[in-house]
Amino acid sequence: MQNTLLSIIVISHNQQRELERCVESILAQGIPFAYELIISDDRSNDGTFELAQEYAQKYPHVIQATQCNSDDCNPANNSQRSGWNRCNGYKLASGKYIAHVDADDYFRAGSRVYQHQVELLEQHPECSLCMQNVWVLTEGEPIETGKPWFSKDKITEEKILTPKEFIEGDYFILNQAFVQRRNPIIDPTVLYGKRYVDSVITYHHLQFGNVICVANCDYIYMKHSGAVTTSLTENDRTVLWCLGMYIPLLIPNLTGLFFAANLKHFLKIVQLARRGESLTPASFNSIKELDAYIYQVFEKPRLSLYDRVKLNSLRFYLDGLIQFKLDSTIALRFLYRLLVHPKIEKHVNFNH
């Protein structure tokens, strides 16, 4: 659509009832500028895609419906399925700004948060993202029983965070909390494919500017008892949820910022590896394609002498960095050689 200011990409999979709730809450915002709502459905068989098509027919100048089959990307888990689905929706997006929504989530009644976020980004060209808080709610429970992701004093109106402040201050939140300024030159779906998911979307855009906050907490994030994250083992969580390791492998420009802020988490992973701990097959499959020594060692049924020496060296080195608060560029480059790969590509940025 021409002259579109905001593209809202909603992904769904067998969520007919939830999709209606979600779409209606977006339409109810009465967004006063040109926007588009793209519903991308992943192989639903319960009528979800048919509902999306009905919406597209009812609002032809606003809503588009598209469908994909995430089996095509050989996904390791549902997270990668959602990433593939987002890529499918992104192909149709034409807006200056991008927002992502999951079909089972929705917005508070009376919300005008998208208008507010876009207006602030228009006023602050130095910012690439605008962030609100998120209301976390268990599906089926009254909205009053939920709670905010962050305390009110963490995200205040028009607070601006640099990438360094965002990463060091642990401001990570669901990507659905953001509206992000699209870089017209770089297509993130080409860069990341099925890994175009929550955290990757956020940090990709963080490369290009600051984050500005709004005090709203209008996005209702629905938790489900059967969600994949609830079935992860403690080892899986320690390794997979270490964004300090995962994000730099996909976004090398942020390596220095993440490495400096995650030394203690790296040490936990190294200690697991030294004890010969393992990951579940599904969790390992989700990271095995990434070229990192500290990931690959978890596939080995038995550690070699080389592995034991290297992991012990990593433990002592990380202990020293933490104890003496060393995070110079030289120190982080050497840590990268031990954790990831002995050779460092030129595009890896260790500044922090």
Protein backbone atom coordinates (compact mmCIF):
# COMPACT_ATOMS: atom_id res chain seq x y z
CA MET A 1 0.00 0.00 0.00
CA GLN A 2 1.34 3.43 -0.95
CA ASN A 3 2.33 6.03 1.65
CA THR A 4 1.86 3.54 4.47
CA LEU A 5 3.32 4.79 7.73
CA LEU A 6 2.90 1.64 9.83
CA SER A 7 2.81 -2.05 8.90
CA ILE A 8 1.37 -4.31 11.62
CA ILE A 9 2.23 -7.98 11.05
CA VAL A 10 0.04 -10.48 12.92
CA ILE A 11 1.05 -14.14 12.84
CA SER A 12 -1.32 -17.00 13.56
CA HIS A 13 -1.60 -20.77 13.69
CA ASN A 14 -4.90 -22.49 14.56
CA GLN A 15 -6.07 -19.47 16.58
CA GLN A 16 -9.39 -18.53 15.06
CA ARG A 17 -11.03 -17.22 18.23
CA GLU A 18 -7.89 -15.46 19.40
CA LEU A 19 -7.26 -13.87 16.00
CA GLU A 20 -10.63 -12.16 16.06
CA ARG A 21 -9.94 -10.73 19.51
CA CYS A 22 -6.51 -9.54 18.37
CA VAL A 23 -7.59 -7.91 15.09
CA GLU A 24 -10.58 -6.17 16.65
CA SER A 25 -8.35 -4.69 19.37
CA ILE A 26 -6.04 -3.25 16.70
CA LEU A 27 -8.86 -1.84 14.59
CA ALA A 28 -10.38 -0.29 17.73
CA GLN A 29 -7.28 1.90 18.13
CA GLY A 30 -8.61 4.11 15.34
CA ILE A 31 -5.13 4.73 13.95
CA PRO A 32 -5.41 8.15 12.25
CA PHE A 33 -2.72 7.71 9.59
CA ALA A 34 -2.20 5.29 6.71
CA TYR A 35 -1.45 1.83 8.06
CA GLU A 36 -1.79 -1.78 7.01
CA LEU A 37 -2.53 -4.93 8.96
CA ILE A 38 -1.00 -8.07 7.47
CA ILE A 39 -2.26 -11.40 8.80
CA SER A 40 0.22 -14.18 8.06
CA ASP A 41 -1.10 -17.64 8.86
CA ASP A 42 0.98 -20.79 9.18
CA ARG A 43 -0.89 -23.82 7.75
CA SER A 44 -3.95 -23.50 10.02
CA ASN A 45 -6.72 -26.07 9.58
CA ASP A 46 -9.29 -24.70 12.04
CA GLY A 47 -10.68 -21.81 10.00
CA THR A 48 -8.12 -19.23 11.13
CA PHE A 49 -6.94 -18.42 7.60
CA GLU A 50 -10.50 -18.27 6.35
CA LEU A 51 -11.24 -15.69 9.06
CA ALA A 52 -8.18 -13.73 7.95
CA GLN A 53 -9.50 -13.74 4.40
CA GLU A 54 -12.86 -12.48 5.60
CA TYR A 55 -11.15 -9.57 7.31
CA ALA A 56 -9.21 -8.81 4.12
CA GLN A 57 -12.46 -8.73 2.14
CA LYS A 58 -14.18 -6.55 4.73
CA TYR A 59 -11.27 -4.08 5.01
CA PRO A 60 -9.57 -4.33 1.60
CA HIS A 61 -7.68 -1.04 1.96
CA VAL A 62 -6.25 -1.96 5.36
CA ILE A 63 -5.97 -5.73 5.82
CA GLN A 64 -4.11 -8.34 3.78
CA ALA A 65 -4.17 -12.10 4.36
CA THR A 66 -1.36 -14.45 3.40
CA GLN A 67 -0.45 -18.01 4.28
CA CYS A 68 2.74 -20.05 4.51
CA ASN A 69 3.89 -23.51 5.50
CA SER A 70 6.72 -23.30 8.03
CA ASP A 71 7.65 -26.91 7.30
CA ASP A 72 9.47 -25.42 4.31
CA CYS A 73 12.18 -23.98 6.58
CA ASN A 74 12.98 -27.26 8.35
CA PRO A 75 12.24 -25.73 11.77
CA ALA A 76 13.83 -27.06 14.94
CA ASN A 77 11.03 -25.72 17.14
CA ASN A 78 7.93 -23.52 17.22
CA SER A 79 10.07 -20.42 17.65
CA GLN A 80 11.59 -20.98 14.22
CA ARG A 81 8.13 -21.66 12.81
CA SER A 82 7.02 -18.26 14.05
CA GLY A 83 10.13 -16.67 12.56
CA TRP A 84 9.32 -18.14 9.15
CA ASN A 85 5.76 -16.92 9.48
CA ARG A 86 6.93 -13.38 10.29
CA CYS A 87 9.17 -13.45 7.24
CA ASN A 88 6.15 -14.34 5.13
CA GLY A 89 4.19 -11.37 6.46
CA TYR A 90 7.16 -9.01 6.14
CA LYS A 91 7.28 -9.66 2.38
CA LEU A 92 4.03 -7.72 2.01
CA ALA A 93 4.91 -4.88 4.37
CA SER A 94 5.41 -1.42 2.89
CA GLY A 95 5.36 0.80 5.98
CA LYS A 96 8.01 3.16 7.25
CA TYR A 97 7.58 1.48 10.63
CA ILE A 98 7.03 -2.18 11.53
CA ALA A 99 5.15 -3.75 14.46
CA HIS A 100 4.78 -7.46 15.19
CA VAL A 101 1.86 -9.09 17.01
CA ASP A 102 1.01 -12.69 17.94
CA ALA A 103 -2.59 -13.65 17.23
CA ASP A 104 -3.29 -14.82 20.79
CA ASP A 105 -2.33 -11.42 22.21
CA TYR A 106 -4.34 -8.22 22.09
CA PHE A 107 -4.53 -4.58 23.23
CA ARG A 108 -6.33 -2.92 26.11
CA ALA A 109 -9.69 -1.33 25.38
CA GLY A 110 -9.24 2.34 24.56
CA SER A 111 -5.58 1.96 23.61
CA ARG A 112 -4.02 4.45 21.17
CA VAL A 113 -0.51 3.19 21.72
CA TYR A 114 0.44 2.67 18.07
CA GLN A 115 -0.37 6.28 17.26
CA HIS A 116 1.69 7.42 20.26
CA GLN A 117 4.68 5.24 19.36
CA VAL A 118 4.76 6.32 15.71
CA GLU A 119 4.42 9.99 16.63
CA LEU A 120 7.43 9.76 18.96
CA LEU A 121 9.54 8.03 16.31
CA GLU A 122 8.59 10.77 13.86
CA GLN A 123 9.76 13.35 16.40
CA HIS A 124 13.00 11.48 17.21
CA PRO A 125 14.82 10.40 14.03
CA GLU A 126 17.80 9.34 16.17
CA CYS A 127 15.67 6.52 17.61
CA SER A 128 15.04 3.28 15.75
CA LEU A 129 12.61 1.73 18.25
CA CYS A 130 9.79 2.89 20.50
CA MET A 131 9.05 0.62 23.47
CA GLN A 132 6.06 0.24 25.76
CA ASN A 133 5.61 -2.04 28.75
CA VAL A 134 3.73 -5.37 28.48
CA TRP A 135 0.90 -6.72 30.61
CA VAL A 136 1.51 -10.44 31.26
CA LEU A 137 -1.69 -12.46 31.65
CA THR A 138 -2.50 -16.18 31.78
CA GLU A 139 -5.04 -17.18 29.13
CA GLY A 140 -8.51 -17.51 30.60
CA GLU A 141 -7.79 -15.35 33.65
CA PRO A 142 -9.35 -11.90 34.31
CA ILE A 143 -7.17 -9.05 33.08
CA GLU A 144 -6.84 -7.73 36.64
CA THR A 145 -4.86 -10.82 37.63
CA GLY A 146 -2.01 -9.97 35.28
CA LYS A 147 1.10 -7.96 36.01
CA PRO A 148 3.47 -5.66 34.11
CA TRP A 149 6.65 -7.09 32.64
CA PHE A 150 8.69 -4.20 34.10
CA SER A 151 7.98 -1.96 37.06
CA LYS A 152 6.57 1.46 36.19
CA ASP A 153 9.83 3.26 36.95
CA LYS A 154 11.78 1.13 34.45
CA ILE A 155 9.96 2.45 31.37
CA THR A 156 9.00 6.11 31.72
CA GLU A 157 7.55 8.52 29.19
CA GLU A 158 10.05 9.67 26.52
CA LYS A 159 12.99 8.05 28.29
CA ILE A 160 15.72 7.47 25.70
CA LEU A 161 18.11 4.50 25.91
CA THR A 162 21.28 4.05 23.91
CA PRO A 163 22.07 0.51 22.70
CA LYS A 164 24.67 0.28 25.49
CA GLU A 165 22.14 1.33 28.14
CA PHE A 166 19.52 -1.02 26.72
CA ILE A 167 21.80 -4.07 26.84
CA GLU A 168 23.60 -3.30 30.10
CA GLY A 169 20.32 -2.35 31.81
CA ASP A 170 18.66 -5.63 30.76
CA TYR A 171 15.76 -3.89 29.03
CA PHE A 172 14.96 -6.90 26.87
CA ILE A 173 11.21 -7.34 26.51
CA LEU A 174 8.94 -9.01 23.98
CA ASN A 175 9.46 -7.56 20.52
CA GLN A 176 5.69 -7.06 20.38
CA ALA A 177 6.25 -4.14 22.77
CA PHE A 178 8.06 -2.22 20.04
CA VAL A 179 7.38 -0.24 16.94
CA GLN A 180 10.59 -0.19 14.91
CA ARG A 181 11.84 2.06 12.15
CA ARG A 182 12.47 0.00 9.06
CA ASN A 183 15.89 0.26 7.45
CA PRO A 184 15.03 0.67 3.73
CA ILE A 185 18.33 -0.84 2.61
CA ILE A 186 18.54 -3.99 4.76
CA ASP A 187 15.91 -6.74 4.67
CA PRO A 188 16.18 -8.60 8.00
CA THR A 189 14.20 -11.59 6.74
CA VAL A 190 16.93 -12.27 4.18
CA LEU A 191 19.60 -12.02 6.88
CA TYR A 192 17.92 -14.25 9.47
CA GLY A 193 15.22 -16.33 7.79
CA LYS A 194 13.56 -18.64 10.32
CA ARG A 195 15.57 -16.95 13.09
CA TYR A 196 13.66 -13.69 12.50
CA VAL A 197 12.14 -14.05 15.95
CA ASP A 198 11.45 -11.97 19.05
CA SER A 199 14.92 -11.05 20.33
CA VAL A 200 16.60 -11.04 16.91
CA ILE A 201 14.07 -8.52 15.55
CA THR A 202 14.65 -6.20 18.49
CA TYR A 203 18.44 -6.27 18.42
CA HIS A 204 18.61 -6.05 14.64
CA HIS A 205 16.87 -2.67 14.80
CA LEU A 206 18.88 -1.62 17.84
CA GLN A 207 21.96 -1.42 15.59
CA PHE A 208 20.54 1.63 13.86
CA GLY A 209 19.59 3.96 16.71
CA ASN A 210 18.35 4.52 20.24
CA VAL A 211 15.18 3.35 21.97
CA ILE A 212 12.53 5.81 23.12
CA CYS A 213 9.95 4.72 25.69
CA VAL A 214 6.28 5.39 26.26
CA ALA A 215 4.63 4.88 29.64
CA ASN A 216 1.86 2.72 28.16
CA CYS A 217 1.30 -0.89 29.18
CA ASP A 218 -1.35 -1.69 26.56
CA TYR A 219 -0.06 -4.88 24.95
CA ILE A 220 -1.61 -7.95 26.62
CA TYR A 221 0.78 -10.89 26.37
CA MET A 222 -1.00 -14.19 26.92
CA LYS A 223 0.82 -16.98 28.74
CA HIS A 224 -0.20 -20.60 28.15
CA SER A 225 0.42 -23.57 30.41
CA GLY A 226 1.47 -25.71 27.45
CA ALA A 227 3.96 -23.25 25.99
CA VAL A 228 7.26 -24.62 24.73
CA THR A 229 9.30 -22.53 27.17
CA THR A 230 7.68 -24.24 30.15
CA SER A 231 9.00 -27.61 28.98
CA LEU A 232 12.64 -26.54 28.75
CA THR A 233 15.11 -28.08 31.18
CA GLU A 234 17.24 -25.84 33.39
CA ASN A 235 20.26 -26.60 31.22
CA ASP A 236 18.33 -25.66 28.09
CA ARG A 237 17.30 -22.33 29.60
CA THR A 238 20.84 -21.51 30.71
CA VAL A 239 22.25 -22.09 27.23
CA LEU A 240 19.43 -21.04 24.92
CA TRP A 241 18.41 -17.95 26.86
CA CYS A 242 21.91 -16.50 26.93
CA LEU A 243 21.33 -13.67 24.46
CA GLY A 244 24.92 -12.57 25.04
CA MET A 245 26.04 -15.64 23.12
CA TYR A 246 23.18 -16.09 20.65
CA ILE A 247 22.68 -12.55 19.37
CA PRO A 248 26.34 -11.79 18.50
CA LEU A 249 26.44 -14.93 16.34
CA LEU A 250 23.66 -13.43 14.24
CA ILE A 251 24.42 -9.72 14.72
CA PRO A 252 28.24 -9.40 15.01
CA ASN A 253 27.99 -5.61 15.30
CA LEU A 254 26.71 -6.01 18.88
CA THR A 255 29.37 -8.48 20.05
CA GLY A 256 31.30 -6.11 22.32
CA LEU A 257 28.20 -4.80 24.09
CA PHE A 258 26.82 -8.28 24.73
CA PHE A 259 30.10 -9.92 25.71
CA ALA A 260 30.91 -7.21 28.26
CA ALA A 261 27.47 -7.58 29.86
CA ASN A 262 27.26 -11.39 29.98
CA LEU A 263 30.52 -12.69 31.47
CA LYS A 264 28.78 -14.33 34.45
CA HIS A 265 26.25 -16.04 32.19
CA PHE A 266 29.07 -17.32 29.96
CA LEU A 267 30.71 -18.81 33.04
CA LYS A 268 27.53 -20.74 33.86
CA ILE A 269 27.47 -22.24 30.37
CA VAL A 270 31.15 -23.18 30.55
CA GLN A 271 30.58 -24.88 33.92
CA LEU A 272 27.74 -26.93 32.41
CA ALA A 273 29.98 -27.97 29.52
CA ARG A 274 32.86 -28.88 31.87
CA ARG A 275 30.54 -31.23 33.81
CA GLY A 276 29.54 -32.95 30.58
CA GLU A 277 25.92 -31.80 30.85
CA SER A 278 23.70 -32.16 27.81
CA LEU A 279 20.81 -30.37 26.13
CA THR A 280 17.61 -31.97 24.94
CA PRO A 281 17.80 -32.94 21.23
CA ALA A 282 15.22 -30.31 20.26
CA SER A 283 17.13 -27.54 22.02
CA PHE A 284 20.47 -28.55 20.56
CA ASN A 285 18.97 -28.78 17.07
CA SER A 286 17.88 -25.16 17.36
CA ILE A 287 21.48 -23.92 17.75
CA LYS A 288 23.65 -26.57 16.12
CA GLU A 289 23.76 -24.66 12.81
CA LEU A 290 25.49 -21.74 14.51
CA ASP A 291 29.27 -21.77 14.37
CA ALA A 292 30.24 -21.61 18.04
CA TYR A 293 32.54 -23.96 19.91
CA ILE A 294 30.65 -23.57 23.19
CA TYR A 295 27.45 -24.79 21.48
CA GLN A 296 29.02 -27.69 19.59
CA VAL A 297 30.66 -29.14 22.72
CA PHE A 298 27.20 -30.01 24.08
CA GLU A 299 26.73 -32.53 21.27
CA LYS A 300 29.74 -34.57 22.26
CA PRO A 301 28.97 -37.74 24.29
CA ARG A 302 32.37 -37.51 25.92
CA LEU A 303 34.78 -34.59 26.26
CA SER A 304 38.20 -35.01 24.67
CA LEU A 305 41.41 -33.97 26.40
CA TYR A 306 41.45 -30.90 24.14
CA ASP A 307 37.93 -29.98 25.25
CA ARG A 308 38.79 -30.36 28.92
CA VAL A 309 41.87 -28.16 28.61
CA LYS A 310 40.00 -25.54 26.61
CA LEU A 311 36.99 -25.46 28.92
CA ASN A 312 39.21 -25.21 31.99
CA SER A 313 41.08 -22.35 30.33
CA LEU A 314 37.75 -20.67 29.64
CA ARG A 315 36.69 -21.06 33.25
CA PHE A 316 39.86 -19.49 34.63
CA TYR A 317 39.84 -16.75 32.02
CA LEU A 318 36.22 -15.81 32.74
CA ASP A 319 36.86 -15.92 36.48
CA GLY A 320 39.70 -13.46 35.97
CA LEU A 321 37.68 -11.11 33.76
CA ILE A 322 34.86 -11.05 36.32
CA GLN A 323 37.06 -10.72 39.40
CA PHE A 324 39.23 -7.93 38.02
CA LYS A 325 36.42 -6.32 35.98
CA LEU A 326 38.32 -6.60 32.72
CA ASP A 327 36.35 -5.95 29.57
CA SER A 328 38.81 -4.29 27.22
CA THR A 329 38.52 -4.86 23.48
CA ILE A 330 41.60 -7.09 23.57
CA ALA A 331 40.17 -9.17 26.44
CA LEU A 332 36.85 -9.64 24.64
CA ARG A 333 38.52 -10.55 21.35
CA PHE A 334 40.44 -13.33 23.10
CA LEU A 335 37.26 -14.51 24.83
CA TYR A 336 35.57 -14.69 21.43
CA ARG A 337 38.39 -16.89 20.16
CA LEU A 338 37.86 -19.30 23.04
CA LEU A 339 34.05 -19.34 23.09
CA VAL A 340 33.26 -19.12 19.42
CA HIS A 341 36.00 -19.59 16.88
CA PRO A 342 39.81 -19.23 16.83
CA LYS A 343 39.54 -16.99 13.75
CA ILE A 344 37.68 -13.70 13.97
CA GLU A 345 35.92 -12.21 10.97
CA LYS A 346 36.61 -8.54 10.29
CA HIS A 347 32.97 -7.55 10.69
CA VAL A 348 32.82 -8.58 14.38
CA ASN A 349 32.63 -5.39 16.48
CA PHE A 350 34.19 -5.57 19.96
CA ASN A 351 33.59 -1.93 20.90
CA HIS A 352 31.33 -1.42 23.88
